[in-house]
């Protein structure tokens, strides 16, 4: 029973890490919209990276690895490209939001990619 409670707690931590990462990115976008040009501070980048790692470690099951990697790679590439487009159009809030989402997503993809590579190399 303790193992099930621990697993349930870890799942909740992973879900809350995901929600918090999205909320931080949204707040950065809103603050940027209200205050004009705002950059993402190194401490916020660090928080987004840690949250992304937590999501990658706790939320992605073995069955979800391929879909998560495909989706996260497409998302990081698209959001990085769109951040440049939004910046060029003067839509700083959307540029900051997309950049923050990419910063949040990339570490989770890296963790899941390492897990996938380990699975492939470890299989007999």
PDB file of N, CA and C in Angstrom:
ATOM      1  N   UNK A   1       0.819  -1.194   0.000  1.00  0.00           N
ATOM      2  CA  UNK A   1       0.000   0.000   0.000  1.00  0.00           C
ATOM      3  C   UNK A   1       0.865   1.261   0.000  1.00  0.00           C
ATOM      4  N   UNK A   2       1.987   1.236   0.726  1.00  0.00           N
ATOM      5  CA  UNK A   2       2.867   2.399   0.766  1.00  0.00           C
ATOM      6  C   UNK A   2       3.454   2.687  -0.609  1.00  0.00           C
ATOM      7  N   UNK A   3       3.767   1.624  -1.365  1.00  0.00           N
ATOM      8  CA  UNK A   3       4.318   1.809  -2.711  1.00  0.00           C
ATOM      9  C   UNK A   3       3.292   2.473  -3.625  1.00  0.00           C
ATOM     10  N   UNK A   4       2.013   2.088  -3.486  1.00  0.00           N
ATOM     11  CA  UNK A   4       0.963   2.682  -4.310  1.00  0.00           C
ATOM     12  C   UNK A   4       0.781   4.155  -3.956  1.00  0.00           C
ATOM     13  N   UNK A   5       0.828   4.486  -2.662  1.00  0.00           N
ATOM     14  CA  UNK A   5       0.693   5.876  -2.245  1.00  0.00           C
ATOM     15  C   UNK A   5       1.868   6.705  -2.752  1.00  0.00           C
ATOM     16  N   UNK A   6       3.074   6.126  -2.702  1.00  0.00           N
ATOM     17  CA  UNK A   6       4.257   6.822  -3.196  1.00  0.00           C
ATOM     18  C   UNK A   6       4.147   7.076  -4.696  1.00  0.00           C
ATOM     19  N   UNK A   7       3.680   6.078  -5.436  1.00  0.00           N
ATOM     20  CA  UNK A   7       3.500   6.214  -6.880  1.00  0.00           C
ATOM     21  C   UNK A   7       2.446   7.275  -7.192  1.00  0.00           C
ATOM     22  N   UNK A   8       1.368   7.275  -6.422  1.00  0.00           N
ATOM     23  CA  UNK A   8       0.301   8.260  -6.600  1.00  0.00           C
ATOM     24  C   UNK A   8       0.817   9.671  -6.306  1.00  0.00           C
ATOM     25  N   UNK A   9       1.634   9.805  -5.262  1.00  0.00           N
ATOM     26  CA  UNK A   9       2.206  11.102  -4.912  1.00  0.00           C
ATOM     27  C   UNK A   9       3.126  11.600  -6.022  1.00  0.00           C
ATOM     28  N   UNK A  10       3.954  10.700  -6.562  1.00  0.00           N
ATOM     29  CA  UNK A  10       4.869  11.086  -7.638  1.00  0.00           C
ATOM     30  C   UNK A  10       4.087  11.540  -8.876  1.00  0.00           C
ATOM     31  N   UNK A  11       2.995  10.846  -9.183  1.00  0.00           N
ATOM     32  CA  UNK A  11       2.164  11.236 -10.323  1.00  0.00           C
ATOM     33  C   UNK A  11       1.591  12.632 -10.108  1.00  0.00           C
ATOM     34  N   UNK A  12       1.150  12.916  -8.879  1.00  0.00           N
ATOM     35  CA  UNK A  12       0.608  14.244  -8.580  1.00  0.00           C
ATOM     36  C   UNK A  12       1.684  15.316  -8.687  1.00  0.00           C
ATOM     37  N   UNK A  13       2.895  15.005  -8.218  1.00  0.00           N
ATOM     38  CA  UNK A  13       4.002  15.960  -8.324  1.00  0.00           C
ATOM     39  C   UNK A  13       4.280  16.266  -9.793  1.00  0.00           C
ATOM     40  N   UNK A  14       4.287  15.226 -10.627  1.00  0.00           N
ATOM     41  CA  UNK A  14       4.515  15.416 -12.055  1.00  0.00           C
ATOM     42  C   UNK A  14       3.454  16.277 -12.708  1.00  0.00           C
ATOM     43  N   UNK A  15       2.206  16.045 -12.347  1.00  0.00           N
ATOM     44  CA  UNK A  15       1.100  16.840 -12.904  1.00  0.00           C
ATOM     45  C   UNK A  15       1.221  18.295 -12.467  1.00  0.00           C
ATOM     46  N   UNK A  16       1.504  18.516 -11.189  1.00  0.00           N
ATOM     47  CA  UNK A  16       1.634  19.887 -10.698  1.00  0.00           C
ATOM     48  C   UNK A  16       2.850  20.590 -11.292  1.00  0.00           C
ATOM     49  N   UNK A  17       3.923  19.850 -11.539  1.00  0.00           N
ATOM     50  CA  UNK A  17       5.096  20.439 -12.193  1.00  0.00           C
ATOM     51  C   UNK A  17       4.729  20.912 -13.595  1.00  0.00           C
ATOM     52  N   UNK A  18       3.942  20.112 -14.304  1.00  0.00           N
ATOM     53  CA  UNK A  18       3.498  20.485 -15.649  1.00  0.00           C
ATOM     54  C   UNK A  18       2.631  21.747 -15.591  1.00  0.00           C
ATOM     55  N   UNK A  19       1.666  21.749 -14.698  1.00  0.00           N
ATOM     56  CA  UNK A  19       0.772  22.908 -14.566  1.00  0.00           C
ATOM     57  C   UNK A  19       1.567  24.158 -14.201  1.00  0.00           C
ATOM     58  N   UNK A  20       2.493  24.023 -13.256  1.00  0.00           N
ATOM     59  CA  UNK A  20       3.292  25.163 -12.824  1.00  0.00           C
ATOM     60  C   UNK A  20       4.155  25.710 -13.966  1.00  0.00           C
ATOM     61  N   UNK A  21       4.729  24.824 -14.767  1.00  0.00           N
ATOM     62  CA  UNK A  21       5.533  25.265 -15.909  1.00  0.00           C
ATOM     63  C   UNK A  21       4.718  26.076 -16.902  1.00  0.00           C
ATOM     64  N   UNK A  22       3.519  25.607 -17.197  1.00  0.00           N
ATOM     65  CA  UNK A  22       2.638  26.330 -18.127  1.00  0.00           C
ATOM     66  C   UNK A  22       2.208  27.672 -17.527  1.00  0.00           C
ATOM     67  N   UNK A  23       1.887  27.676 -16.235  1.00  0.00           N
ATOM     68  CA  UNK A  23       1.464  28.913 -15.567  1.00  0.00           C
ATOM     69  C   UNK A  23       2.598  29.939 -15.563  1.00  0.00           C
ATOM     70  N   UNK A  24       3.821  29.495 -15.265  1.00  0.00           N
ATOM     71  CA  UNK A  24       4.964  30.420 -15.271  1.00  0.00           C
ATOM     72  C   UNK A  24       5.149  31.020 -16.663  1.00  0.00           C
ATOM     73  N   UNK A  25       5.058  30.182 -17.686  1.00  0.00           N
ATOM     74  CA  UNK A  25       5.198  30.682 -19.060  1.00  0.00           C
ATOM     75  C   UNK A  25       4.105  31.705 -19.378  1.00  0.00           C
ATOM     76  N   UNK A  26       2.878  31.425 -18.954  1.00  0.00           N
ATOM     77  CA  UNK A  26       1.771  32.353 -19.200  1.00  0.00           C
ATOM     78  C   UNK A  26       1.979  33.666 -18.446  1.00  0.00           C
ATOM     79  N   UNK A  27       2.429  33.577 -17.209  1.00  0.00           N
ATOM     80  CA  UNK A  27       2.686  34.790 -16.417  1.00  0.00           C
ATOM     81  C   UNK A  27       3.777  35.628 -17.076  1.00  0.00           C
ATOM     82  N   UNK A  28       4.826  34.966 -17.553  1.00  0.00           N
ATOM     83  CA  UNK A  28       5.885  35.702 -18.251  1.00  0.00           C
ATOM     84  C   UNK A  28       5.329  36.437 -19.465  1.00  0.00           C
ATOM     85  N   UNK A  29       4.449  35.776 -20.203  1.00  0.00           N
ATOM     86  CA  UNK A  29       3.833  36.423 -21.360  1.00  0.00           C
ATOM     87  C   UNK A  29       2.997  37.626 -20.972  1.00  0.00           C
ATOM     88  N   UNK A  30       2.201  37.484 -19.911  1.00  0.00           N
ATOM     89  CA  UNK A  30       1.342  38.589 -19.459  1.00  0.00           C
ATOM     90  C   UNK A  30       2.186  39.748 -18.943  1.00  0.00           C
ATOM     91  N   UNK A  31       3.211  39.446 -18.132  1.00  0.00           N
ATOM     92  CA  UNK A  31       4.084  40.504 -17.605  1.00  0.00           C
ATOM     93  C   UNK A  31       4.776  41.231 -18.755  1.00  0.00           C
ATOM     94  N   UNK A  32       5.211  40.473 -19.734  1.00  0.00           N
ATOM     95  CA  UNK A  32       5.857  41.072 -20.900  1.00  0.00           C
ATOM     96  C   UNK A  32       4.888  41.982 -21.652  1.00  0.00           C
ATOM     97  N   UNK A  33       3.640  41.565 -21.750  1.00  0.00           N
ATOM     98  CA  UNK A  33       2.617  42.363 -22.423  1.00  0.00           C
ATOM     99  C   UNK A  33       2.338  43.654 -21.651  1.00  0.00           C
ATOM    100  N   UNK A  34       2.283  43.557 -20.318  1.00  0.00           N
ATOM    101  CA  UNK A  34       1.973  44.722 -19.488  1.00  0.00           C
ATOM    102  C   UNK A  34       3.136  45.701 -19.376  1.00  0.00           C
ATOM    103  N   UNK A  35       4.361  45.160 -19.324  1.00  0.00           N
ATOM    104  CA  UNK A  35       5.520  46.017 -19.078  1.00  0.00           C
ATOM    105  C   UNK A  35       6.350  46.306 -20.318  1.00  0.00           C
ATOM    106  N   UNK A  36       5.956  45.777 -21.424  1.00  0.00           N
ATOM    107  CA  UNK A  36       6.767  45.961 -22.626  1.00  0.00           C
ATOM    108  C   UNK A  36       7.772  44.829 -22.759  1.00  0.00           C
ATOM    109  N   UNK A  37       8.962  45.152 -23.156  1.00  0.00           N
ATOM    110  CA  UNK A  37       9.989  44.139 -23.414  1.00  0.00           C
ATOM    111  C   UNK A  37      10.549  43.591 -22.103  1.00  0.00           C
ATOM    112  N   UNK A  38      10.322  42.323 -21.846  1.00  0.00           N
ATOM    113  CA  UNK A  38      10.821  41.661 -20.642  1.00  0.00           C
ATOM    114  C   UNK A  38      11.581  40.419 -21.082  1.00  0.00           C
ATOM    115  N   UNK A  39      12.767  40.232 -20.536  1.00  0.00           N
ATOM    116  CA  UNK A  39      13.514  39.017 -20.856  1.00  0.00           C
ATOM    117  C   UNK A  39      13.283  37.991 -19.748  1.00  0.00           C
ATOM    118  N   UNK A  40      13.632  36.750 -20.034  1.00  0.00           N
ATOM    119  CA  UNK A  40      13.464  35.673 -19.057  1.00  0.00           C
ATOM    120  C   UNK A  40      14.745  35.588 -18.241  1.00  0.00           C
ATOM    121  N   UNK A  41      14.629  35.789 -16.935  1.00  0.00           N
ATOM    122  CA  UNK A  41      15.808  35.798 -16.071  1.00  0.00           C
ATOM    123  C   UNK A  41      16.393  34.395 -15.930  1.00  0.00           C
ATOM    124  N   UNK A  42      17.688  34.306 -15.624  1.00  0.00           N
ATOM    125  CA  UNK A  42      18.314  32.991 -15.440  1.00  0.00           C
ATOM    126  C   UNK A  42      17.650  32.149 -14.350  1.00  0.00           C
ATOM    127  N   UNK A  43      17.159  32.780 -13.300  1.00  0.00           N
ATOM    128  CA  UNK A  43      16.503  32.008 -12.242  1.00  0.00           C
ATOM    129  C   UNK A  43      15.193  31.396 -12.740  1.00  0.00           C
ATOM    130  N   UNK A  44      14.443  32.123 -13.543  1.00  0.00           N
ATOM    131  CA  UNK A  44      13.205  31.579 -14.115  1.00  0.00           C
ATOM    132  C   UNK A  44      13.531  30.467 -15.107  1.00  0.00           C
ATOM    133  N   UNK A  45      14.585  30.650 -15.899  1.00  0.00           N
ATOM    134  CA  UNK A  45      15.022  29.583 -16.809  1.00  0.00           C
ATOM    135  C   UNK A  45      15.344  28.330 -16.007  1.00  0.00           C
ATOM    136  N   UNK A  46      16.067  28.492 -14.897  1.00  0.00           N
ATOM    137  CA  UNK A  46      16.405  27.349 -14.042  1.00  0.00           C
ATOM    138  C   UNK A  46      15.175  26.648 -13.501  1.00  0.00           C
ATOM    139  N   UNK A  47      14.195  27.420 -13.067  1.00  0.00           N
ATOM    140  CA  UNK A  47      12.955  26.831 -12.550  1.00  0.00           C
ATOM    141  C   UNK A  47      12.235  26.060 -13.652  1.00  0.00           C
ATOM    142  N   UNK A  48      12.141  26.643 -14.844  1.00  0.00           N
ATOM    143  CA  UNK A  48      11.479  25.962 -15.960  1.00  0.00           C
ATOM    144  C   UNK A  48      12.212  24.681 -16.346  1.00  0.00           C
ATOM    145  N   UNK A  49      13.536  24.709 -16.310  1.00  0.00           N
ATOM    146  CA  UNK A  49      14.324  23.513 -16.630  1.00  0.00           C
ATOM    147  C   UNK A  49      14.065  22.415 -15.607  1.00  0.00           C
ATOM    148  N   UNK A  50      14.098  22.762 -14.321  1.00  0.00           N
ATOM    149  CA  UNK A  50      13.849  21.761 -13.270  1.00  0.00           C
ATOM    150  C   UNK A  50      12.444  21.184 -13.410  1.00  0.00           C
ATOM    151  N   UNK A  51      11.457  22.036 -13.636  1.00  0.00           N
ATOM    152  CA  UNK A  51      10.088  21.544 -13.816  1.00  0.00           C
ATOM    153  C   UNK A  51       9.983  20.637 -15.040  1.00  0.00           C
ATOM    154  N   UNK A  52      10.664  20.981 -16.118  1.00  0.00           N
ATOM    155  CA  UNK A  52      10.662  20.136 -17.310  1.00  0.00           C
ATOM    156  C   UNK A  52      11.274  18.769 -17.048  1.00  0.00           C
ATOM    157  N   UNK A  53      12.361  18.741 -16.289  1.00  0.00           N
ATOM    158  CA  UNK A  53      12.993  17.466 -15.924  1.00  0.00           C
ATOM    159  C   UNK A  53      12.044  16.632 -15.076  1.00  0.00           C
ATOM    160  N   UNK A  54      11.390  17.266 -14.111  1.00  0.00           N
ATOM    161  CA  UNK A  54      10.435  16.547 -13.253  1.00  0.00           C
ATOM    162  C   UNK A  54       9.318  15.949 -14.100  1.00  0.00           C
ATOM    163  N   UNK A  55       8.789  16.717 -15.025  1.00  0.00           N
ATOM    164  CA  UNK A  55       7.727  16.209 -15.905  1.00  0.00           C
ATOM    165  C   UNK A  55       8.234  15.024 -16.717  1.00  0.00           C
ATOM    166  N   UNK A  56       9.426  15.139 -17.274  1.00  0.00           N
ATOM    167  CA  UNK A  56       9.991  14.044 -18.059  1.00  0.00           C
ATOM    168  C   UNK A  56      10.208  12.784 -17.247  1.00  0.00           C
ATOM    169  N   UNK A  57      10.625  12.949 -15.998  1.00  0.00           N
ATOM    170  CA  UNK A  57      10.878  11.789 -15.140  1.00  0.00           C
ATOM    171  C   UNK A  57       9.600  11.142 -14.619  1.00  0.00           C
ATOM    172  N   UNK A  58       8.606  11.948 -14.281  1.00  0.00           N
ATOM    173  CA  UNK A  58       7.448  11.427 -13.553  1.00  0.00           C
ATOM    174  C   UNK A  58       6.193  11.219 -14.391  1.00  0.00           C
ATOM    175  N   UNK A  59       6.051  11.912 -15.491  1.00  0.00           N
ATOM    176  CA  UNK A  59       4.772  11.871 -16.204  1.00  0.00           C
ATOM    177  C   UNK A  59       4.735  10.954 -17.413  1.00  0.00           C
ATOM    178  N   UNK A  60       5.871  10.546 -17.932  1.00  0.00           N
ATOM    179  CA  UNK A  60       5.894   9.830 -19.207  1.00  0.00           C
ATOM    180  C   UNK A  60       6.161   8.351 -18.965  1.00  0.00           C
ATOM    181  N   UNK A  61       5.171   7.527 -19.308  1.00  0.00           N
ATOM    182  CA  UNK A  61       5.315   6.074 -19.155  1.00  0.00           C
ATOM    183  C   UNK A  61       6.064   5.508 -20.361  1.00  0.00           C
ATOM    184  N   UNK A  62       6.471   4.253 -20.255  1.00  0.00           N
ATOM    185  CA  UNK A  62       7.191   3.601 -21.353  1.00  0.00           C
ATOM    186  C   UNK A  62       6.371   3.590 -22.638  1.00  0.00           C
ATOM    187  N   UNK A  63       5.061   3.445 -22.510  1.00  0.00           N
ATOM    188  CA  UNK A  63       4.191   3.401 -23.686  1.00  0.00           C
ATOM    189  C   UNK A  63       4.070   4.766 -24.365  1.00  0.00           C
ATOM    190  N   UNK A  64       4.337   5.827 -23.634  1.00  0.00           N
ATOM    191  CA  UNK A  64       4.158   7.181 -24.156  1.00  0.00           C
ATOM    192  C   UNK A  64       5.440   7.802 -24.712  1.00  0.00           C
ATOM    193  N   UNK A  65       6.558   7.094 -24.610  1.00  0.00           N
ATOM    194  CA  UNK A  65       7.852   7.681 -24.956  1.00  0.00           C
ATOM    195  C   UNK A  65       7.891   8.183 -26.397  1.00  0.00           C
ATOM    196  N   UNK A  66       7.538   7.334 -27.358  1.00  0.00           N
ATOM    197  CA  UNK A  66       7.623   7.748 -28.762  1.00  0.00           C
ATOM    198  C   UNK A  66       6.735   8.948 -29.063  1.00  0.00           C
ATOM    199  N   UNK A  67       5.503   8.903 -28.608  1.00  0.00           N
ATOM    200  CA  UNK A  67       4.574  10.001 -28.875  1.00  0.00           C
ATOM    201  C   UNK A  67       5.053  11.287 -28.196  1.00  0.00           C
ATOM    202  N   UNK A  68       5.544  11.174 -26.962  1.00  0.00           N
ATOM    203  CA  UNK A  68       6.032  12.353 -26.255  1.00  0.00           C
ATOM    204  C   UNK A  68       7.232  12.955 -26.976  1.00  0.00           C
ATOM    205  N   UNK A  69       8.176  12.106 -27.383  1.00  0.00           N
ATOM    206  CA  UNK A  69       9.365  12.621 -28.060  1.00  0.00           C
ATOM    207  C   UNK A  69       9.005  13.284 -29.386  1.00  0.00           C
ATOM    208  N   UNK A  70       8.157  12.658 -30.152  1.00  0.00           N
ATOM    209  CA  UNK A  70       7.739  13.246 -31.424  1.00  0.00           C
ATOM    210  C   UNK A  70       7.040  14.586 -31.195  1.00  0.00           C
ATOM    211  N   UNK A  71       6.104  14.595 -30.258  1.00  0.00           N
ATOM    212  CA  UNK A  71       5.376  15.825 -29.960  1.00  0.00           C
ATOM    213  C   UNK A  71       6.265  16.916 -29.401  1.00  0.00           C
ATOM    214  N   UNK A  72       7.159  16.562 -28.493  1.00  0.00           N
ATOM    215  CA  UNK A  72       8.002  17.586 -27.874  1.00  0.00           C
ATOM    216  C   UNK A  72       9.026  18.138 -28.858  1.00  0.00           C
ATOM    217  N   UNK A  73       9.579  17.283 -29.720  1.00  0.00           N
ATOM    218  CA  UNK A  73      10.515  17.780 -30.732  1.00  0.00           C
ATOM    219  C   UNK A  73       9.792  18.733 -31.680  1.00  0.00           C
ATOM    220  N   UNK A  74       8.628  18.329 -32.162  1.00  0.00           N
ATOM    221  CA  UNK A  74       7.854  19.198 -33.052  1.00  0.00           C
ATOM    222  C   UNK A  74       7.495  20.500 -32.345  1.00  0.00           C
ATOM    223  N   UNK A  75       7.117  20.405 -31.084  1.00  0.00           N
ATOM    224  CA  UNK A  75       6.711  21.594 -30.343  1.00  0.00           C
ATOM    225  C   UNK A  75       7.877  22.546 -30.116  1.00  0.00           C
ATOM    226  N   UNK A  76       9.032  22.013 -29.713  1.00  0.00           N
ATOM    227  CA  UNK A  76      10.188  22.877 -29.457  1.00  0.00           C
ATOM    228  C   UNK A  76      10.629  23.569 -30.744  1.00  0.00           C
ATOM    229  N   UNK A  77      10.678  22.834 -31.839  1.00  0.00           N
ATOM    230  CA  UNK A  77      11.075  23.435 -33.115  1.00  0.00           C
ATOM    231  C   UNK A  77      10.059  24.498 -33.542  1.00  0.00           C
ATOM    232  N   UNK A  78       8.777  24.155 -33.482  1.00  0.00           N
ATOM    233  CA  UNK A  78       7.740  25.097 -33.908  1.00  0.00           C
ATOM    234  C   UNK A  78       7.668  26.314 -32.992  1.00  0.00           C
ATOM    235  N   UNK A  79       7.748  26.102 -31.690  1.00  0.00           N
ATOM    236  CA  UNK A  79       7.639  27.239 -30.772  1.00  0.00           C
ATOM    237  C   UNK A  79       8.847  28.157 -30.882  1.00  0.00           C
ATOM    238  N   UNK A  80      10.018  27.589 -31.132  1.00  0.00           N
ATOM    239  CA  UNK A  80      11.205  28.422 -31.324  1.00  0.00           C
ATOM    240  C   UNK A  80      11.061  29.256 -32.599  1.00  0.00           C
ATOM    241  N   UNK A  81      10.594  28.634 -33.653  1.00  0.00           N
ATOM    242  CA  UNK A  81      10.362  29.368 -34.897  1.00  0.00           C
ATOM    243  C   UNK A  81       9.292  30.428 -34.747  1.00  0.00           C
ATOM    244  N   UNK A  82       8.207  30.078 -34.084  1.00  0.00           N
ATOM    245  CA  UNK A  82       7.116  31.041 -33.896  1.00  0.00           C
ATOM    246  C   UNK A  82       7.533  32.177 -32.969  1.00  0.00           C
ATOM    247  N   UNK A  83       8.407  31.895 -32.002  1.00  0.00           N
ATOM    248  CA  UNK A  83       8.897  32.965 -31.129  1.00  0.00           C
ATOM    249  C   UNK A  83       9.610  34.022 -31.966  1.00  0.00           C
ATOM    250  N   UNK A  84      10.383  33.583 -32.951  1.00  0.00           N
ATOM    251  CA  UNK A  84      11.064  34.533 -33.841  1.00  0.00           C
ATOM    252  C   UNK A  84      10.062  35.318 -34.684  1.00  0.00           C
ATOM    253  N   UNK A  85       9.041  34.635 -35.163  1.00  0.00           N
ATOM    254  CA  UNK A  85       7.996  35.309 -35.949  1.00  0.00           C
ATOM    255  C   UNK A  85       7.288  36.354 -35.092  1.00  0.00           C
ATOM    256  N   UNK A  86       6.885  35.958 -33.881  1.00  0.00           N
ATOM    257  CA  UNK A  86       6.191  36.895 -32.992  1.00  0.00           C
ATOM    258  C   UNK A  86       7.078  38.086 -32.647  1.00  0.00           C
ATOM    259  N   UNK A  87       8.362  37.831 -32.423  1.00  0.00           N
ATOM    260  CA  UNK A  87       9.291  38.915 -32.128  1.00  0.00           C
ATOM    261  C   UNK A  87       9.374  39.874 -33.315  1.00  0.00           C
ATOM    262  N   UNK A  88       9.445  39.324 -34.519  1.00  0.00           N
ATOM    263  CA  UNK A  88       9.499  40.158 -35.719  1.00  0.00           C
ATOM    264  C   UNK A  88       8.245  40.989 -35.925  1.00  0.00           C
ATOM    265  N   UNK A  89       7.111  40.470 -35.457  1.00  0.00           N
ATOM    266  CA  UNK A  89       5.845  41.199 -35.583  1.00  0.00           C
ATOM    267  C   UNK A  89       5.606  42.167 -34.423  1.00  0.00           C
ATOM    268  N   UNK A  90       6.545  42.200 -33.481  1.00  0.00           N
ATOM    269  CA  UNK A  90       6.386  43.077 -32.325  1.00  0.00           C
ATOM    270  C   UNK A  90       5.465  42.522 -31.255  1.00  0.00           C
ATOM    271  N   UNK A  91       5.156  41.240 -31.329  1.00  0.00           N
ATOM    272  CA  UNK A  91       4.284  40.591 -30.339  1.00  0.00           C
ATOM    273  C   UNK A  91       5.156  39.952 -29.255  1.00  0.00           C
ATOM    274  N   UNK A  92       5.760  40.812 -28.445  1.00  0.00           N
ATOM    275  CA  UNK A  92       6.737  40.365 -27.459  1.00  0.00           C
ATOM    276  C   UNK A  92       6.147  39.389 -26.456  1.00  0.00           C
ATOM    277  N   UNK A  93       4.921  39.615 -26.033  1.00  0.00           N
ATOM    278  CA  UNK A  93       4.304  38.734 -25.035  1.00  0.00           C
ATOM    279  C   UNK A  93       4.218  37.305 -25.559  1.00  0.00           C
ATOM    280  N   UNK A  94       3.797  37.136 -26.807  1.00  0.00           N
ATOM    281  CA  UNK A  94       3.715  35.794 -27.386  1.00  0.00           C
ATOM    282  C   UNK A  94       5.102  35.206 -27.604  1.00  0.00           C
ATOM    283  N   UNK A  95       6.066  36.044 -27.958  1.00  0.00           N
ATOM    284  CA  UNK A  95       7.439  35.579 -28.140  1.00  0.00           C
ATOM    285  C   UNK A  95       7.999  35.053 -26.827  1.00  0.00           C
ATOM    286  N   UNK A  96       7.794  35.786 -25.744  1.00  0.00           N
ATOM    287  CA  UNK A  96       8.276  35.357 -24.426  1.00  0.00           C
ATOM    288  C   UNK A  96       7.562  34.079 -24.001  1.00  0.00           C
ATOM    289  N   UNK A  97       6.251  34.008 -24.201  1.00  0.00           N
ATOM    290  CA  UNK A  97       5.484  32.814 -23.839  1.00  0.00           C
ATOM    291  C   UNK A  97       5.998  31.591 -24.592  1.00  0.00           C
ATOM    292  N   UNK A  98       6.171  31.705 -25.903  1.00  0.00           N
ATOM    293  CA  UNK A  98       6.637  30.568 -26.701  1.00  0.00           C
ATOM    294  C   UNK A  98       8.055  30.163 -26.309  1.00  0.00           C
ATOM    295  N   UNK A  99       8.906  31.131 -26.036  1.00  0.00           N
ATOM    296  CA  UNK A  99      10.270  30.817 -25.598  1.00  0.00           C
ATOM    297  C   UNK A  99      10.254  30.088 -24.262  1.00  0.00           C
ATOM    298  N   UNK A 100       9.419  30.544 -23.335  1.00  0.00           N
ATOM    299  CA  UNK A 100       9.329  29.903 -22.021  1.00  0.00           C
ATOM    300  C   UNK A 100       8.799  28.477 -22.136  1.00  0.00           C
ATOM    301  N   UNK A 101       7.827  28.260 -23.002  1.00  0.00           N
ATOM    302  CA  UNK A 101       7.300  26.906 -23.210  1.00  0.00           C
ATOM    303  C   UNK A 101       8.383  25.999 -23.795  1.00  0.00           C
ATOM    304  N   UNK A 102       9.168  26.513 -24.736  1.00  0.00           N
ATOM    305  CA  UNK A 102      10.261  25.720 -25.309  1.00  0.00           C
ATOM    306  C   UNK A 102      11.307  25.393 -24.245  1.00  0.00           C
ATOM    307  N   UNK A 103      11.632  26.366 -23.393  1.00  0.00           N
ATOM    308  CA  UNK A 103      12.592  26.136 -22.307  1.00  0.00           C
ATOM    309  C   UNK A 103      12.060  25.078 -21.348  1.00  0.00           C
ATOM    310  N   UNK A 104      10.768  25.073 -21.106  1.00  0.00           N
ATOM    311  CA  UNK A 104      10.129  24.107 -20.212  1.00  0.00           C
ATOM    312  C   UNK A 104      10.056  22.717 -20.842  1.00  0.00           C
ATOM    313  N   UNK A 105       9.793  22.649 -22.135  1.00  0.00           N
ATOM    314  CA  UNK A 105       9.584  21.368 -22.813  1.00  0.00           C
ATOM    315  C   UNK A 105      10.889  20.634 -23.115  1.00  0.00           C
ATOM    316  N   UNK A 106      11.920  21.344 -23.512  1.00  0.00           N
ATOM    317  CA  UNK A 106      13.167  20.721 -23.962  1.00  0.00           C
ATOM    318  C   UNK A 106      13.824  19.812 -22.915  1.00  0.00           C
ATOM    319  N   UNK A 107      13.932  20.199 -21.647  1.00  0.00           N
ATOM    320  CA  UNK A 107      14.570  19.298 -20.678  1.00  0.00           C
ATOM    321  C   UNK A 107      13.791  18.000 -20.466  1.00  0.00           C
ATOM    322  N   UNK A 108      12.468  18.084 -20.497  1.00  0.00           N
ATOM    323  CA  UNK A 108      11.657  16.870 -20.381  1.00  0.00           C
ATOM    324  C   UNK A 108      11.909  15.939 -21.550  1.00  0.00           C
ATOM    325  N   UNK A 109      12.015  16.518 -22.744  1.00  0.00           N
ATOM    326  CA  UNK A 109      12.313  15.708 -23.932  1.00  0.00           C
ATOM    327  C   UNK A 109      13.690  15.070 -23.815  1.00  0.00           C
ATOM    328  N   UNK A 110      14.648  15.805 -23.285  1.00  0.00           N
ATOM    329  CA  UNK A 110      15.997  15.261 -23.109  1.00  0.00           C
ATOM    330  C   UNK A 110      15.999  14.085 -22.140  1.00  0.00           C
ATOM    331  N   UNK A 111      15.296  14.226 -21.023  1.00  0.00           N
ATOM    332  CA  UNK A 111      15.212  13.142 -20.040  1.00  0.00           C
ATOM    333  C   UNK A 111      14.549  11.914 -20.652  1.00  0.00           C
ATOM    334  N   UNK A 112      13.450  12.112 -21.346  1.00  0.00           N
ATOM    335  CA  UNK A 112      12.736  10.985 -21.957  1.00  0.00           C
ATOM    336  C   UNK A 112      13.587  10.355 -23.059  1.00  0.00           C
ATOM    337  N   UNK A 113      14.329  11.165 -23.803  1.00  0.00           N
ATOM    338  CA  UNK A 113      15.219  10.616 -24.834  1.00  0.00           C
ATOM    339  C   UNK A 113      16.308   9.751 -24.201  1.00  0.00           C
ATOM    340  N   UNK A 114      16.869  10.202 -23.083  1.00  0.00           N
ATOM    341  CA  UNK A 114      17.861   9.384 -22.377  1.00  0.00           C
ATOM    342  C   UNK A 114      17.246   8.077 -21.894  1.00  0.00           C
ATOM    343  N   UNK A 115      16.023   8.158 -21.364  1.00  0.00           N
ATOM    344  CA  UNK A 115      15.344   6.935 -20.924  1.00  0.00           C
ATOM    345  C   UNK A 115      15.133   5.985 -22.095  1.00  0.00           C
ATOM    346  N   UNK A 116      14.750   6.516 -23.249  1.00  0.00           N
ATOM    347  CA  UNK A 116      14.523   5.683 -24.432  1.00  0.00           C
ATOM    348  C   UNK A 116      15.824   5.057 -24.917  1.00  0.00           C
ATOM    349  N   UNK A 117      16.892   5.840 -24.949  1.00  0.00           N
ATOM    350  CA  UNK A 117      18.189   5.297 -25.369  1.00  0.00           C
ATOM    351  C   UNK A 117      18.668   4.211 -24.412  1.00  0.00           C
ATOM    352  N   UNK A 118      18.453   4.419 -23.133  1.00  0.00           N
ATOM    353  CA  UNK A 118      18.830   3.404 -22.151  1.00  0.00           C
ATOM    354  C   UNK A 118      18.033   2.122 -22.383  1.00  0.00           C
ATOM    355  N   UNK A 119      16.737   2.258 -22.628  1.00  0.00           N
ATOM    356  CA  UNK A 119      15.895   1.084 -22.891  1.00  0.00           C
ATOM    357  C   UNK A 119      16.390   0.316 -24.109  1.00  0.00           C
ATOM    358  N   UNK A 120      16.726   1.034 -25.173  1.00  0.00           N
ATOM    359  CA  UNK A 120      17.199   0.387 -26.397  1.00  0.00           C
ATOM    360  C   UNK A 120      18.540  -0.301 -26.156  1.00  0.00           C
ATOM    361  N   UNK A 121      19.449   0.377 -25.476  1.00  0.00           N
ATOM    362  CA  UNK A 121      20.774  -0.188 -25.224  1.00  0.00           C
ATOM    363  C   UNK A 121      20.729  -1.313 -24.203  1.00  0.00           C
ATOM    364  N   UNK A 122      19.777  -1.257 -23.298  1.00  0.00           N
ATOM    365  CA  UNK A 122      19.694  -2.222 -22.203  1.00  0.00           C
ATOM    366  C   UNK A 122      18.979  -3.498 -22.602  1.00  0.00           C
ATOM    367  N   UNK A 123      18.087  -3.438 -23.588  1.00  0.00           N
ATOM    368  CA  UNK A 123      17.340  -4.626 -24.012  1.00  0.00           C
ATOM    369  C   UNK A 123      18.294  -5.697 -24.513  1.00  0.00           C
ATOM    370  N   UNK A 124      17.986  -6.933 -24.122  1.00  0.00           N
ATOM    371  CA  UNK A 124      18.838  -8.058 -24.532  1.00  0.00           C
ATOM    372  C   UNK A 124      18.363  -8.674 -25.805  1.00  0.00           C
TER     373      UNK A 124
END
